[in-house]
Amino acid sequence: MILTHCEESIYDLAVKKVQSFVKGRILETKIAGKIAASLCRCLVRARPEKGLQAFVPNASEIISDLLTEEMIKDEEVIDEELKFNMHILAEVSW
Protein backbone atom coordinates (compact mmCIF):
# COMPACT_ATOMS: atom_id res chain seq x y z
CA MET A 1 0.00 0.00 0.00
CA ILE A 2 1.28 3.41 -0.96
CA LEU A 3 0.07 5.09 2.23
CA THR A 4 2.35 3.03 4.48
CA HIS A 5 5.45 4.14 2.57
CA CYS A 6 4.59 7.76 1.81
CA GLU A 7 5.81 10.80 3.67
CA GLU A 8 3.84 11.87 6.71
CA SER A 9 2.73 15.12 5.07
CA ILE A 10 1.19 13.21 2.15
CA TYR A 11 -0.55 10.83 4.55
CA ASP A 12 -1.89 13.75 6.60
CA LEU A 13 -3.27 15.36 3.43
CA ALA A 14 -4.97 12.10 2.41
CA VAL A 15 -6.55 11.74 5.86
CA LYS A 16 -7.72 15.34 5.81
CA LYS A 17 -9.32 14.91 2.36
CA VAL A 18 -11.14 11.68 3.24
CA GLN A 19 -12.15 13.02 6.65
CA SER A 20 -13.66 16.16 5.12
CA PHE A 21 -15.45 14.01 2.53
CA VAL A 22 -17.15 11.69 5.03
CA LYS A 23 -17.77 14.24 7.78
CA GLY A 24 -21.34 15.47 7.67
CA ARG A 25 -22.16 13.33 4.64
CA ILE A 26 -24.72 10.57 4.49
CA LEU A 27 -24.00 7.85 1.94
CA GLU A 28 -26.00 4.72 1.36
CA THR A 29 -24.17 1.71 2.80
CA LYS A 30 -24.43 -0.67 -0.15
CA ILE A 31 -21.94 0.85 -2.60
CA ALA A 32 -20.83 4.44 -1.97
CA GLY A 33 -20.82 4.06 1.81
CA LYS A 34 -18.86 0.83 1.56
CA ILE A 35 -16.23 2.48 -0.64
CA ALA A 36 -15.92 5.49 1.70
CA ALA A 37 -15.63 3.21 4.75
CA SER A 38 -12.97 1.15 2.95
CA LEU A 39 -10.96 4.31 2.30
CA CYS A 40 -11.14 5.10 6.03
CA ARG A 41 -10.05 1.53 6.85
CA CYS A 42 -7.03 1.78 4.53
CA LEU A 43 -5.92 5.01 6.16
CA VAL A 44 -6.28 3.52 9.64
CA ARG A 45 -4.34 0.40 8.71
CA ALA A 46 -1.50 2.45 7.28
CA ARG A 47 -1.03 4.53 10.44
CA PRO A 48 -3.47 3.50 13.19
CA GLU A 49 -2.56 6.21 15.69
CA LYS A 50 -3.49 9.01 13.28
CA GLY A 51 -6.24 7.23 11.37
CA LEU A 52 -8.25 6.26 14.43
CA GLN A 53 -7.93 9.77 15.77
CA ALA A 54 -9.34 11.13 12.52
CA PHE A 55 -12.41 8.91 12.13
CA VAL A 56 -13.51 7.36 15.44
CA PRO A 57 -14.43 10.50 17.44
CA ASN A 58 -16.70 11.95 14.74
CA ALA A 59 -18.47 8.65 13.97
CA SER A 60 -18.87 7.87 17.68
CA GLU A 61 -20.31 11.31 18.41
CA ILE A 62 -22.86 11.06 15.61
CA ILE A 63 -23.87 7.55 16.66
CA SER A 64 -24.21 8.65 20.27
CA ASP A 65 -26.33 11.66 19.29
CA LEU A 66 -28.62 9.56 17.10
CA LEU A 67 -29.10 6.74 19.59
CA THR A 68 -31.28 8.55 22.05
CA GLU A 69 -33.86 6.67 24.07
CA GLU A 70 -36.70 8.38 22.20
CA MET A 71 -35.30 7.40 18.82
CA ILE A 72 -34.92 3.78 19.83
CA LYS A 73 -38.53 3.65 21.05
CA ASP A 74 -40.06 5.55 18.14
CA GLU A 75 -38.07 4.42 15.11
CA GLU A 76 -38.79 1.19 13.34
CA VAL A 77 -36.32 1.84 10.52
CA ILE A 78 -32.67 2.65 11.20
CA ASP A 79 -31.67 6.13 10.07
CA GLU A 80 -29.32 6.27 7.04
CA GLU A 81 -26.90 8.60 8.83
CA LEU A 82 -26.70 6.14 11.72
CA LYS A 83 -26.07 3.21 9.39
CA PHE A 84 -23.35 5.07 7.49
CA ASN A 85 -21.46 6.10 10.63
CA MET A 86 -21.81 2.63 12.13
CA HIS A 87 -20.33 1.25 8.92
CA ILE A 88 -17.34 3.61 9.16
CA LEU A 89 -16.83 2.73 12.83
CA ALA A 90 -17.01 -0.99 12.08
CA GLU A 91 -14.52 -0.74 9.22
CA VAL A 92 -11.90 1.27 11.13
CA SER A 93 -12.08 -0.89 14.25
CA TRP A 94 -10.95 -4.11 12.52
C-alpha atoms as a PDB file:
ATOM      1  CA  MET A   1       0.000   0.000   0.000  1.00  0.00           C
ATOM      2  CA  ILE A   2       1.283   3.408  -0.959  1.00  0.00           C
ATOM      3  CA  LEU A   3       0.075   5.089   2.227  1.00  0.00           C
ATOM      4  CA  THR A   4       2.351   3.034   4.477  1.00  0.00           C
ATOM      5  CA  HIS A   5       5.449   4.139   2.566  1.00  0.00           C
ATOM      6  CA  CYS A   6       4.589   7.763   1.806  1.00  0.00           C
ATOM      7  CA  GLU A   7       5.806  10.801   3.670  1.00  0.00           C
ATOM      8  CA  GLU A   8       3.837  11.868   6.705  1.00  0.00           C
ATOM      9  CA  SER A   9       2.726  15.117   5.065  1.00  0.00           C
ATOM     10  CA  ILE A  10       1.186  13.206   2.148  1.00  0.00           C
ATOM     11  CA  TYR A  11      -0.552  10.828   4.549  1.00  0.00           C
ATOM     12  CA  ASP A  12      -1.890  13.751   6.597  1.00  0.00           C
ATOM     13  CA  LEU A  13      -3.266  15.356   3.433  1.00  0.00           C
ATOM     14  CA  ALA A  14      -4.970  12.099   2.410  1.00  0.00           C
ATOM     15  CA  VAL A  15      -6.546  11.738   5.861  1.00  0.00           C
ATOM     16  CA  LYS A  16      -7.717  15.338   5.808  1.00  0.00           C
ATOM     17  CA  LYS A  17      -9.323  14.913   2.355  1.00  0.00           C
ATOM     18  CA  VAL A  18     -11.136  11.683   3.243  1.00  0.00           C
ATOM     19  CA  GLN A  19     -12.153  13.016   6.648  1.00  0.00           C
ATOM     20  CA  SER A  20     -13.665  16.161   5.123  1.00  0.00           C
ATOM     21  CA  PHE A  21     -15.447  14.006   2.528  1.00  0.00           C
ATOM     22  CA  VAL A  22     -17.153  11.687   5.034  1.00  0.00           C
ATOM     23  CA  LYS A  23     -17.773  14.239   7.776  1.00  0.00           C
ATOM     24  CA  GLY A  24     -21.337  15.466   7.669  1.00  0.00           C
ATOM     25  CA  ARG A  25     -22.160  13.329   4.645  1.00  0.00           C
ATOM     26  CA  ILE A  26     -24.725  10.569   4.490  1.00  0.00           C
ATOM     27  CA  LEU A  27     -23.996   7.850   1.945  1.00  0.00           C
ATOM     28  CA  GLU A  28     -26.001   4.720   1.364  1.00  0.00           C
ATOM     29  CA  THR A  29     -24.171   1.715   2.796  1.00  0.00           C
ATOM     30  CA  LYS A  30     -24.427  -0.667  -0.150  1.00  0.00           C
ATOM     31  CA  ILE A  31     -21.945   0.851  -2.604  1.00  0.00           C
ATOM     32  CA  ALA A  32     -20.829   4.442  -1.969  1.00  0.00           C
ATOM     33  CA  GLY A  33     -20.817   4.057   1.810  1.00  0.00           C
ATOM     34  CA  LYS A  34     -18.861   0.825   1.563  1.00  0.00           C
ATOM     35  CA  ILE A  35     -16.233   2.484  -0.643  1.00  0.00           C
ATOM     36  CA  ALA A  36     -15.917   5.486   1.700  1.00  0.00           C
ATOM     37  CA  ALA A  37     -15.626   3.213   4.750  1.00  0.00           C
ATOM     38  CA  SER A  38     -12.972   1.151   2.951  1.00  0.00           C
ATOM     39  CA  LEU A  39     -10.957   4.306   2.304  1.00  0.00           C
ATOM     40  CA  CYS A  40     -11.136   5.097   6.027  1.00  0.00           C
ATOM     41  CA  ARG A  41     -10.055   1.535   6.852  1.00  0.00           C
ATOM     42  CA  CYS A  42      -7.028   1.779   4.527  1.00  0.00           C
ATOM     43  CA  LEU A  43      -5.923   5.015   6.161  1.00  0.00           C
ATOM     44  CA  VAL A  44      -6.284   3.517   9.636  1.00  0.00           C
ATOM     45  CA  ARG A  45      -4.343   0.396   8.711  1.00  0.00           C
ATOM     46  CA  ALA A  46      -1.500   2.454   7.283  1.00  0.00           C
ATOM     47  CA  ARG A  47      -1.030   4.526  10.445  1.00  0.00           C
ATOM     48  CA  PRO A  48      -3.468   3.498  13.191  1.00  0.00           C
ATOM     49  CA  GLU A  49      -2.562   6.212  15.693  1.00  0.00           C
ATOM     50  CA  LYS A  50      -3.493   9.013  13.282  1.00  0.00           C
ATOM     51  CA  GLY A  51      -6.236   7.227  11.374  1.00  0.00           C
ATOM     52  CA  LEU A  52      -8.250   6.263  14.430  1.00  0.00           C
ATOM     53  CA  GLN A  53      -7.931   9.775  15.770  1.00  0.00           C
ATOM     54  CA  ALA A  54      -9.342  11.127  12.519  1.00  0.00           C
ATOM     55  CA  PHE A  55     -12.415   8.915  12.129  1.00  0.00           C
ATOM     56  CA  VAL A  56     -13.509   7.363  15.436  1.00  0.00           C
ATOM     57  CA  PRO A  57     -14.428  10.495  17.440  1.00  0.00           C
ATOM     58  CA  ASN A  58     -16.699  11.947  14.742  1.00  0.00           C
ATOM     59  CA  ALA A  59     -18.466   8.648  13.968  1.00  0.00           C
ATOM     60  CA  SER A  60     -18.874   7.869  17.677  1.00  0.00           C
ATOM     61  CA  GLU A  61     -20.307  11.306  18.411  1.00  0.00           C
ATOM     62  CA  ILE A  62     -22.857  11.056  15.607  1.00  0.00           C
ATOM     63  CA  ILE A  63     -23.872   7.545  16.661  1.00  0.00           C
ATOM     64  CA  SER A  64     -24.209   8.654  20.270  1.00  0.00           C
ATOM     65  CA  ASP A  65     -26.328  11.659  19.289  1.00  0.00           C
ATOM     66  CA  LEU A  66     -28.615   9.563  17.100  1.00  0.00           C
ATOM     67  CA  LEU A  67     -29.100   6.737  19.588  1.00  0.00           C
ATOM     68  CA  THR A  68     -31.277   8.550  22.054  1.00  0.00           C
ATOM     69  CA  GLU A  69     -33.858   6.674  24.065  1.00  0.00           C
ATOM     70  CA  GLU A  70     -36.701   8.380  22.204  1.00  0.00           C
ATOM     71  CA  MET A  71     -35.303   7.395  18.822  1.00  0.00           C
ATOM     72  CA  ILE A  72     -34.917   3.775  19.832  1.00  0.00           C
ATOM     73  CA  LYS A  73     -38.529   3.649  21.052  1.00  0.00           C
ATOM     74  CA  ASP A  74     -40.061   5.552  18.138  1.00  0.00           C
ATOM     75  CA  GLU A  75     -38.068   4.420  15.108  1.00  0.00           C
ATOM     76  CA  GLU A  76     -38.791   1.185  13.342  1.00  0.00           C
ATOM     77  CA  VAL A  77     -36.316   1.841  10.519  1.00  0.00           C
ATOM     78  CA  ILE A  78     -32.668   2.649  11.198  1.00  0.00           C
ATOM     79  CA  ASP A  79     -31.670   6.133  10.072  1.00  0.00           C
ATOM     80  CA  GLU A  80     -29.318   6.265   7.036  1.00  0.00           C
ATOM     81  CA  GLU A  81     -26.900   8.602   8.833  1.00  0.00           C
ATOM     82  CA  LEU A  82     -26.697   6.144  11.720  1.00  0.00           C
ATOM     83  CA  LYS A  83     -26.073   3.210   9.387  1.00  0.00           C
ATOM     84  CA  PHE A  84     -23.346   5.066   7.489  1.00  0.00           C
ATOM     85  CA  ASN A  85     -21.463   6.098  10.630  1.00  0.00           C
ATOM     86  CA  MET A  86     -21.809   2.632  12.133  1.00  0.00           C
ATOM     87  CA  HIS A  87     -20.329   1.247   8.915  1.00  0.00           C
ATOM     88  CA  ILE A  88     -17.339   3.605   9.163  1.00  0.00           C
ATOM     89  CA  LEU A  89     -16.834   2.727  12.828  1.00  0.00           C
ATOM     90  CA  ALA A  90     -17.008  -0.993  12.078  1.00  0.00           C
ATOM     91  CA  GLU A  91     -14.518  -0.742   9.223  1.00  0.00           C
ATOM     92  CA  VAL A  92     -11.904   1.270  11.128  1.00  0.00           C
ATOM     93  CA  SER A  93     -12.079  -0.888  14.249  1.00  0.00           C
ATOM     94  CA  TRP A  94     -10.947  -4.105  12.523  1.00  0.00           C
END
